[in-house]
Each structure stands twice: as structure tokens, then as C-alpha cells.
């Protein structure tokens, strides 16, 4: 249920997070299991379980817009970064609240996994 969702609890400030950016639609915070020197998660403030559950494409646009804003403000946009959305268990999604990963600060390899 959405009320028990880890990320919903972060949005409600029931669980502390290292907030990087926020607006009316999104919240961005540091990933506690960082996979790169910079690893930020961008989430919608309202619960959407996964990319499969997006009914309004502006939600995804807001996530990517905030990612680009963070990349510029944190100074890694020109050098490069990776954005990833994992979807459901086989896609690597461990928290079932839509979230976009921003990974930066090192050269990324391909294929990723």
C-alpha cells in the first residue's frame, strides 16, 4: 500500500533523506546504496508504483527535467551522467515507487548489467 511505501514516507518526512532538490511534483535525494560517486534518486511526490503505472506522461517529464537541473547545478552535466529507471523485479526495481537514478562522477560502462 502506498502509505507504507518507503519513498512515500520520505516525501512525508517520516524518514530522513539527504534532499538535493525538490519542487511541487518531485523530490530528489541521495541514494543510501550509492553505485557511483554521485547517485541521486528523483521521485514523484505522489505514489506511482512503476513506469508501467504512469497514466500522465508529464510525471516522467518532470523526473527528467529535475535530473537535468540537478546535473547542471551540481556541475556534472558537461562531463556526463546516466539516468536509469528500473521497472519491476527483473528490471532491478527494489522500491516499488517510480524513481529515476542519476549516476555521475565516474565513467559508465556498457552494457550496464
N, C-alpha and C. Protein backbone atom coordinates (compact mmCIF):
# COMPACT_ATOMS: atom_id res chain seq x y z
N UNK A 1 0.84 -1.19 0.00
CA UNK A 1 0.00 0.00 0.00
C UNK A 1 0.89 1.25 0.00
N UNK A 2 0.44 2.27 -0.67
CA UNK A 2 1.24 3.48 -0.83
C UNK A 2 1.61 4.12 0.50
N UNK A 3 0.76 4.04 1.51
CA UNK A 3 1.06 4.68 2.78
C UNK A 3 2.26 4.05 3.48
N UNK A 4 2.54 2.78 3.18
CA UNK A 4 3.69 2.09 3.78
C UNK A 4 4.93 2.16 2.90
N UNK A 5 4.80 2.74 1.72
CA UNK A 5 5.90 2.82 0.77
C UNK A 5 7.04 3.64 1.36
N UNK A 6 8.26 3.13 1.26
CA UNK A 6 9.44 3.81 1.77
C UNK A 6 9.56 5.22 1.22
N UNK A 7 9.40 5.38 -0.09
CA UNK A 7 9.58 6.69 -0.70
C UNK A 7 8.43 7.63 -0.35
N UNK A 8 7.21 7.11 -0.20
CA UNK A 8 6.09 7.95 0.26
C UNK A 8 6.39 8.47 1.67
N UNK A 9 7.00 7.63 2.49
CA UNK A 9 7.35 8.05 3.85
C UNK A 9 8.44 9.11 3.83
N UNK A 10 9.36 9.03 2.88
CA UNK A 10 10.39 10.07 2.73
C UNK A 10 9.72 11.37 2.30
N UNK A 11 8.79 11.31 1.35
CA UNK A 11 8.08 12.51 0.91
C UNK A 11 7.37 13.17 2.10
N UNK A 12 6.76 12.36 2.96
CA UNK A 12 6.05 12.89 4.13
C UNK A 12 6.98 13.27 5.27
N UNK A 13 8.30 13.11 5.07
CA UNK A 13 9.34 13.45 6.04
C UNK A 13 9.26 12.59 7.31
N UNK A 14 8.71 11.39 7.18
CA UNK A 14 8.71 10.43 8.28
C UNK A 14 10.05 9.71 8.37
N UNK A 15 10.77 9.68 7.26
CA UNK A 15 12.11 9.09 7.19
C UNK A 15 13.03 10.16 6.64
N UNK A 16 14.17 10.41 7.29
CA UNK A 16 15.07 11.45 6.80
C UNK A 16 15.75 11.04 5.49
N UNK A 17 16.05 12.03 4.69
CA UNK A 17 16.78 11.82 3.44
C UNK A 17 17.65 13.03 3.17
N UNK A 18 18.70 12.82 2.42
CA UNK A 18 19.61 13.89 2.04
C UNK A 18 19.06 14.55 0.77
N UNK A 19 18.19 15.54 0.97
CA UNK A 19 17.48 16.17 -0.15
C UNK A 19 18.44 17.02 -0.98
N UNK A 20 18.39 16.80 -2.29
CA UNK A 20 19.22 17.52 -3.25
C UNK A 20 18.41 18.62 -3.93
N UNK A 21 17.15 18.31 -4.25
CA UNK A 21 16.27 19.28 -4.92
C UNK A 21 14.83 18.85 -4.68
N UNK A 22 13.92 19.82 -4.77
CA UNK A 22 12.51 19.50 -4.66
C UNK A 22 11.67 20.60 -5.29
N UNK A 23 10.49 20.21 -5.74
CA UNK A 23 9.50 21.15 -6.22
C UNK A 23 8.13 20.56 -5.90
N UNK A 24 7.09 21.11 -6.46
CA UNK A 24 5.74 20.63 -6.15
C UNK A 24 5.50 19.21 -6.64
N UNK A 25 6.18 18.81 -7.72
CA UNK A 25 5.93 17.50 -8.31
C UNK A 25 6.93 16.42 -7.89
N UNK A 26 8.18 16.81 -7.62
CA UNK A 26 9.26 15.84 -7.43
C UNK A 26 10.10 16.12 -6.19
N UNK A 27 10.78 15.08 -5.77
CA UNK A 27 11.76 15.17 -4.68
C UNK A 27 12.99 14.39 -5.13
N UNK A 28 14.16 14.95 -4.92
CA UNK A 28 15.42 14.27 -5.25
C UNK A 28 16.28 14.18 -4.00
N UNK A 29 16.87 13.00 -3.80
CA UNK A 29 17.70 12.78 -2.61
C UNK A 29 18.78 11.76 -2.92
N UNK A 30 19.82 11.76 -2.10
CA UNK A 30 20.93 10.83 -2.27
C UNK A 30 20.52 9.40 -2.00
N UNK A 31 21.00 8.49 -2.86
CA UNK A 31 20.73 7.05 -2.68
C UNK A 31 21.64 6.54 -1.56
N UNK A 32 21.07 5.84 -0.59
CA UNK A 32 21.88 5.33 0.53
C UNK A 32 22.74 4.14 0.11
N UNK A 33 22.46 3.57 -1.06
CA UNK A 33 23.26 2.47 -1.59
C UNK A 33 23.93 2.93 -2.89
N UNK A 34 24.73 3.97 -2.79
CA UNK A 34 25.30 4.63 -3.97
C UNK A 34 26.13 3.67 -4.82
N UNK A 35 25.91 3.77 -6.14
CA UNK A 35 26.64 2.95 -7.11
C UNK A 35 27.61 3.79 -7.94
N UNK A 36 27.74 5.05 -7.60
CA UNK A 36 28.67 5.97 -8.27
C UNK A 36 28.97 7.09 -7.27
N UNK A 37 30.02 7.87 -7.50
CA UNK A 37 30.32 8.97 -6.59
C UNK A 37 29.13 9.91 -6.37
N UNK A 38 28.35 10.15 -7.42
CA UNK A 38 27.09 10.86 -7.29
C UNK A 38 25.99 9.90 -7.67
N UNK A 39 25.05 9.65 -6.76
CA UNK A 39 23.91 8.77 -7.04
C UNK A 39 22.70 9.38 -6.35
N UNK A 40 21.84 9.97 -7.16
CA UNK A 40 20.66 10.67 -6.68
C UNK A 40 19.42 9.99 -7.23
N UNK A 41 18.39 9.90 -6.42
CA UNK A 41 17.09 9.39 -6.85
C UNK A 41 16.13 10.55 -7.00
N UNK A 42 15.37 10.56 -8.08
CA UNK A 42 14.33 11.56 -8.31
C UNK A 42 13.00 10.81 -8.34
N UNK A 43 12.07 11.23 -7.48
CA UNK A 43 10.79 10.53 -7.37
C UNK A 43 9.63 11.51 -7.52
N UNK A 44 8.49 11.03 -8.01
CA UNK A 44 7.30 11.87 -7.96
C UNK A 44 6.80 11.93 -6.52
N UNK A 45 6.23 13.04 -6.12
CA UNK A 45 5.71 13.18 -4.75
C UNK A 45 4.50 12.27 -4.50
N UNK A 46 3.74 12.00 -5.54
CA UNK A 46 2.60 11.10 -5.37
C UNK A 46 3.02 9.69 -5.79
N UNK A 47 2.39 8.70 -5.20
CA UNK A 47 2.78 7.32 -5.43
C UNK A 47 2.39 6.83 -6.82
N UNK A 48 3.38 6.35 -7.54
CA UNK A 48 3.22 5.63 -8.80
C UNK A 48 4.13 4.42 -8.64
N UNK A 49 3.58 3.22 -8.72
CA UNK A 49 4.36 2.02 -8.41
C UNK A 49 5.54 1.79 -9.35
N UNK A 50 5.34 1.98 -10.65
CA UNK A 50 6.42 1.76 -11.61
C UNK A 50 6.12 2.52 -12.89
N UNK A 51 7.05 2.47 -13.83
CA UNK A 51 6.84 3.11 -15.12
C UNK A 51 5.60 2.54 -15.81
N UNK A 52 5.31 1.28 -15.57
CA UNK A 52 4.11 0.66 -16.15
C UNK A 52 2.82 1.31 -15.67
N UNK A 53 2.86 1.98 -14.55
CA UNK A 53 1.66 2.56 -13.94
C UNK A 53 1.50 4.05 -14.20
N UNK A 54 2.35 4.62 -15.04
CA UNK A 54 2.26 6.05 -15.35
C UNK A 54 1.07 6.28 -16.29
N UNK A 55 0.13 7.11 -15.84
CA UNK A 55 -1.03 7.47 -16.66
C UNK A 55 -0.87 8.86 -17.26
N UNK A 56 -0.01 9.66 -16.69
CA UNK A 56 0.21 11.03 -17.13
C UNK A 56 1.69 11.18 -17.45
N UNK A 57 2.02 11.31 -18.72
CA UNK A 57 3.42 11.37 -19.13
C UNK A 57 4.17 12.57 -18.58
N UNK A 58 3.45 13.58 -18.11
CA UNK A 58 4.14 14.74 -17.53
C UNK A 58 4.91 14.33 -16.28
N UNK A 59 4.51 13.24 -15.62
CA UNK A 59 5.23 12.75 -14.44
C UNK A 59 6.66 12.38 -14.83
N UNK A 60 6.80 11.66 -15.92
CA UNK A 60 8.13 11.25 -16.39
C UNK A 60 8.92 12.46 -16.86
N UNK A 61 8.26 13.38 -17.54
CA UNK A 61 8.93 14.61 -17.98
C UNK A 61 9.47 15.39 -16.80
N UNK A 62 8.71 15.48 -15.72
CA UNK A 62 9.16 16.20 -14.52
C UNK A 62 10.39 15.54 -13.91
N UNK A 63 10.42 14.19 -13.88
CA UNK A 63 11.59 13.49 -13.33
C UNK A 63 12.85 13.83 -14.13
N UNK A 64 12.73 13.76 -15.46
CA UNK A 64 13.89 14.04 -16.31
C UNK A 64 14.29 15.51 -16.27
N UNK A 65 13.32 16.40 -16.19
CA UNK A 65 13.64 17.84 -16.09
C UNK A 65 14.42 18.12 -14.81
N UNK A 66 14.00 17.51 -13.70
CA UNK A 66 14.72 17.72 -12.45
C UNK A 66 16.11 17.10 -12.53
N UNK A 67 16.25 15.95 -13.18
CA UNK A 67 17.57 15.32 -13.33
C UNK A 67 18.52 16.26 -14.09
N UNK A 68 18.05 16.85 -15.16
CA UNK A 68 18.88 17.77 -15.94
C UNK A 68 19.25 19.00 -15.13
N UNK A 69 18.30 19.50 -14.35
CA UNK A 69 18.55 20.67 -13.49
C UNK A 69 19.62 20.33 -12.45
N UNK A 70 19.52 19.17 -11.84
CA UNK A 70 20.50 18.75 -10.83
C UNK A 70 21.88 18.59 -11.48
N UNK A 71 21.94 17.98 -12.65
CA UNK A 71 23.23 17.79 -13.33
C UNK A 71 23.91 19.13 -13.59
N UNK A 72 23.13 20.13 -13.98
CA UNK A 72 23.70 21.45 -14.23
C UNK A 72 24.12 22.12 -12.92
N UNK A 73 23.23 22.10 -11.93
CA UNK A 73 23.53 22.81 -10.67
C UNK A 73 24.65 22.15 -9.88
N UNK A 74 24.81 20.83 -10.02
CA UNK A 74 25.87 20.12 -9.28
C UNK A 74 27.17 20.05 -10.08
N UNK A 75 27.15 20.54 -11.33
CA UNK A 75 28.37 20.68 -12.10
C UNK A 75 28.85 19.46 -12.86
N UNK A 76 28.01 18.47 -13.10
CA UNK A 76 28.47 17.31 -13.86
C UNK A 76 27.76 17.14 -15.20
N UNK A 77 26.94 18.10 -15.60
CA UNK A 77 26.19 17.98 -16.86
C UNK A 77 27.13 17.88 -18.07
N UNK A 78 28.12 18.74 -18.14
CA UNK A 78 29.00 18.76 -19.30
C UNK A 78 29.85 17.50 -19.39
N UNK A 79 30.29 17.00 -18.28
CA UNK A 79 31.14 15.81 -18.27
C UNK A 79 30.34 14.56 -18.60
N UNK A 80 29.10 14.48 -18.11
CA UNK A 80 28.22 13.36 -18.45
C UNK A 80 27.68 12.64 -17.23
N UNK A 81 26.57 11.98 -17.44
CA UNK A 81 25.90 11.24 -16.38
C UNK A 81 24.94 10.24 -17.00
N UNK A 82 24.45 9.34 -16.21
CA UNK A 82 23.50 8.33 -16.66
C UNK A 82 22.21 8.48 -15.88
N UNK A 83 21.09 8.33 -16.58
CA UNK A 83 19.78 8.27 -15.93
C UNK A 83 19.20 6.90 -16.20
N UNK A 84 18.61 6.30 -15.17
CA UNK A 84 18.08 4.94 -15.27
C UNK A 84 16.75 4.86 -14.54
N UNK A 85 15.78 4.20 -15.15
CA UNK A 85 14.55 3.84 -14.46
C UNK A 85 14.43 2.33 -14.53
N UNK A 86 14.54 1.67 -13.39
CA UNK A 86 14.34 0.22 -13.31
C UNK A 86 12.85 -0.05 -13.12
N UNK A 87 12.34 -1.07 -13.82
CA UNK A 87 10.92 -1.36 -13.73
C UNK A 87 10.68 -2.80 -13.32
N UNK A 88 10.05 -2.97 -12.17
CA UNK A 88 9.67 -4.26 -11.59
C UNK A 88 10.89 -5.12 -11.27
N UNK A 89 10.64 -6.29 -10.73
CA UNK A 89 11.70 -7.11 -10.15
C UNK A 89 12.81 -7.48 -11.12
N UNK A 90 12.48 -8.01 -12.30
CA UNK A 90 13.52 -8.40 -13.25
C UNK A 90 14.28 -7.20 -13.80
N UNK A 91 13.69 -6.02 -13.73
CA UNK A 91 14.36 -4.80 -14.16
C UNK A 91 15.23 -4.19 -13.09
N UNK A 92 15.21 -4.78 -11.89
CA UNK A 92 16.06 -4.29 -10.79
C UNK A 92 15.40 -3.30 -9.86
N UNK A 93 14.08 -3.10 -9.99
CA UNK A 93 13.39 -2.15 -9.11
C UNK A 93 13.21 -2.80 -7.73
N UNK A 94 13.77 -2.18 -6.70
CA UNK A 94 13.68 -2.74 -5.35
C UNK A 94 12.68 -1.99 -4.48
N UNK A 95 12.42 -0.72 -4.79
CA UNK A 95 11.37 0.03 -4.11
C UNK A 95 10.31 0.32 -5.16
N UNK A 96 9.10 -0.15 -4.91
CA UNK A 96 8.04 -0.05 -5.92
C UNK A 96 7.29 1.28 -5.81
N UNK A 97 8.07 2.33 -6.06
CA UNK A 97 7.61 3.71 -6.23
C UNK A 97 8.51 4.22 -7.34
N UNK A 98 7.93 4.66 -8.43
CA UNK A 98 8.70 5.12 -9.58
C UNK A 98 9.85 6.02 -9.13
N UNK A 99 11.04 5.75 -9.62
CA UNK A 99 12.18 6.60 -9.32
C UNK A 99 13.21 6.53 -10.44
N UNK A 100 13.85 7.67 -10.65
CA UNK A 100 14.88 7.81 -11.67
C UNK A 100 16.22 7.95 -10.95
N UNK A 101 17.17 7.13 -11.34
CA UNK A 101 18.52 7.20 -10.79
C UNK A 101 19.35 8.16 -11.64
N UNK A 102 20.11 9.03 -10.98
CA UNK A 102 21.12 9.85 -11.65
C UNK A 102 22.46 9.35 -11.13
N UNK A 103 23.31 8.88 -12.04
CA UNK A 103 24.63 8.36 -11.69
C UNK A 103 25.68 9.21 -12.38
N UNK A 104 26.66 9.69 -11.62
CA UNK A 104 27.69 10.55 -12.19
C UNK A 104 28.96 10.45 -11.35
N UNK A 105 30.01 11.07 -11.87
CA UNK A 105 31.27 11.14 -11.12
C UNK A 105 32.27 10.08 -11.50
N UNK A 106 31.93 9.22 -12.45
CA UNK A 106 32.87 8.22 -12.97
C UNK A 106 32.41 7.85 -14.38
N UNK A 107 33.31 7.24 -15.14
CA UNK A 107 32.93 6.78 -16.47
C UNK A 107 32.02 5.56 -16.34
N UNK A 108 30.92 5.59 -17.05
CA UNK A 108 29.97 4.49 -17.04
C UNK A 108 30.36 3.45 -18.08
N UNK A 109 30.10 2.20 -17.80
CA UNK A 109 30.42 1.13 -18.75
C UNK A 109 29.14 0.63 -19.40
N UNK A 110 29.30 -0.10 -20.50
CA UNK A 110 28.17 -0.68 -21.22
C UNK A 110 28.54 -2.07 -21.65
N UNK A 111 27.70 -3.06 -21.52
CA UNK A 111 26.34 -2.94 -21.01
C UNK A 111 26.33 -2.79 -19.49
N UNK A 112 25.28 -2.17 -18.96
CA UNK A 112 25.24 -1.84 -17.54
C UNK A 112 25.00 -3.03 -16.63
N UNK A 113 24.37 -4.07 -17.07
CA UNK A 113 24.08 -5.16 -16.14
C UNK A 113 23.72 -6.37 -16.87
